[in-house]
Amino acid sequence: MILGRDATKRPGFFYMEERDMTGQDASGVITINEIQTLLPHRFPFLLVDRVLAYVPGESITALKNVSINEPFFPGHFPGAPVMPGMLILEALAQAGGILVSKSLEGPLGNRIFMFTGVEKAKFRRPVVPGDQLTLRCFNLKRRLTLCKMSAQATVDGQVVAEAELSAAVVDAATLG
């Protein structure tokens, strides 16, 4: 299955369809080992555990397993742990980064994927320990090194967050 958009439906809403998953391994996933070759993030800030499906240049569906052992839960909030909304957006941005990385011609090399903006962000319900976030990103526009995506996080099929994300692929040497 892949994520897509239907122009006859409301903007920003997703549908699923059967499609060839070009670029996936035989099991249809990208494992954590490959994710670590695509993203510079590491514990405690790597927020994508597995990729279920992707179509280069189009869409990605990934997972984040939310554990009580996450480092942010002791302080957000003591006695009533809730995953911070900004970290849900970061998880979506990381899934989008994997999509962009797998969509580029050739390896990233010395370039990195930088999150540059958020629009139309909505948080629908809390994410708590034990939840499994399904992260979906769909490419809206791409020009040279800039891209814009529609992103949606769900738990058990219910939308918990959605936004439009902007990002750029930049040379890491220019950052400092």
Foldseek 3Di string as FASTA:
>chain_A
DFWADDPVDDPLDIDDDDDDQPPAPPQQKDAPVVLVVQAVDDPPQQFFGMWNGDDAPWKTKTKGAAACPRPCQCVCPNPFGFDDPVSVVVNLQSRVSSSPQSNDDDGLVQKGKFWDDKAPKDFDDTDGHRWMKIKMWTWDDDDDFKTKIWIFIDTPPHTGMTIITIIGIGRNVVPD
